[in-house]
Protein backbone atom coordinates (compact mmCIF):
# COMPACT_ATOMS: atom_id res chain seq x y z
CA MET A 1 3.52 -8.74 -16.40
CA ILE A 2 2.25 -5.99 -14.12
CA LEU A 3 3.42 -5.65 -10.52
CA TRP A 4 1.24 -3.10 -8.78
CA SER A 5 2.52 -1.98 -5.40
CA SER A 6 0.31 -0.07 -3.00
CA ILE A 7 1.27 1.65 0.24
CA PRO A 8 -2.10 2.02 1.93
CA ARG A 9 -2.80 4.25 4.89
CA LYS A 10 -5.66 3.07 7.04
CA GLY A 11 -8.19 5.84 7.54
CA ALA A 12 -7.28 7.73 4.39
CA ALA A 13 -9.94 7.86 1.68
CA VAL A 14 -7.44 7.04 -1.04
CA ALA A 15 -6.31 3.95 0.92
CA ARG A 16 -9.88 2.69 1.14
CA GLN A 17 -10.22 3.20 -2.62
CA ALA A 18 -6.97 1.32 -3.26
CA ASP A 19 -8.02 -1.55 -0.98
CA ALA A 20 -11.42 -1.72 -2.71
CA TRP A 21 -9.70 -1.85 -6.10
CA LEU A 22 -7.38 -4.61 -4.90
CA SER A 23 -10.38 -6.57 -3.62
CA SER A 24 -12.16 -6.15 -6.94
CA LEU A 25 -9.37 -8.07 -8.68
CA VAL A 26 -10.48 -11.38 -7.21
CA ASP A 27 -12.44 -12.19 -10.39
CA ASP A 28 -9.94 -10.69 -12.83
CA PRO A 29 -8.59 -13.44 -15.09
CA ARG A 30 -5.17 -11.72 -15.17
CA LEU A 31 -4.76 -12.08 -11.40
CA PHE A 32 -1.55 -13.96 -10.60
CA ARG A 33 -1.04 -14.71 -14.28
CA SER A 34 0.07 -11.32 -15.51
CA LEU A 35 -1.12 -9.00 -12.72
CA PHE A 36 0.47 -9.25 -9.28
CA PRO A 37 -0.92 -6.75 -6.76
CA VAL A 38 0.83 -6.29 -3.42
CA ALA A 39 0.14 -3.96 -0.52
CA PHE A 40 2.68 -2.76 2.03
CA HIS A 41 0.86 -1.18 4.98
CA VAL A 42 3.00 1.47 6.69
CA ASP A 43 2.90 1.88 10.47
CA TYR A 44 3.33 5.64 10.98
CA TRP A 45 -0.44 6.21 11.03
CA ASN A 46 -0.87 3.89 14.01
CA ARG A 47 0.25 6.64 16.39
CA LEU A 48 -2.47 8.94 15.03
CA GLY A 49 -5.25 6.63 16.14
CA TRP A 50 -5.57 4.55 12.98
CA PRO A 51 -4.01 1.24 14.04
CA ASP A 52 -3.55 -1.12 11.15
CA ARG A 53 -3.04 -4.79 11.99
CA PHE A 54 -1.27 -5.32 8.66
CA SER A 55 1.21 -2.47 9.18
CA SER A 56 4.91 -3.00 9.69
CA ALA A 57 7.92 -0.82 10.47
CA ARG A 58 9.69 -2.69 7.65
CA PHE A 59 7.08 -1.44 5.18
CA THR A 60 7.50 2.12 6.49
CA GLU A 61 11.27 1.86 5.97
CA ARG A 62 10.65 0.45 2.49
CA GLN A 63 8.50 3.48 1.66
CA ARG A 64 11.14 5.91 3.02
CA THR A 65 13.72 4.26 0.76
CA TYR A 66 11.41 4.68 -2.24
CA VAL A 67 10.89 8.34 -1.34
CA GLN A 68 14.65 8.92 -1.09
CA GLN A 69 15.04 7.37 -4.53
CA GLY A 70 12.30 9.63 -5.91
CA HIS A 71 9.83 6.82 -6.66
CA VAL A 72 7.04 7.72 -4.22
CA ILE A 73 5.46 10.90 -2.98
CA ASN A 74 5.10 10.54 0.77
CA PRO A 75 2.46 12.78 2.38
CA ALA A 76 3.66 11.87 5.87
CA GLY A 77 7.21 13.02 5.27
């Protein structure tokens, strides 16, 4: 089983690539059998003019916890 977690940032090129990859999985036979993609949209980019309707302060806090544990590199600090 593969659980792939993404923390997209609306407006960032890498986020668009990640979202495109997630969308491409719709026809993958492993989807929801052995591959479980999830995306947690952080909200700290909203204040920079990139509002994301899927973003949540809870997801931002989740990312900060991952960073503190050394699991994620956070470009926003």
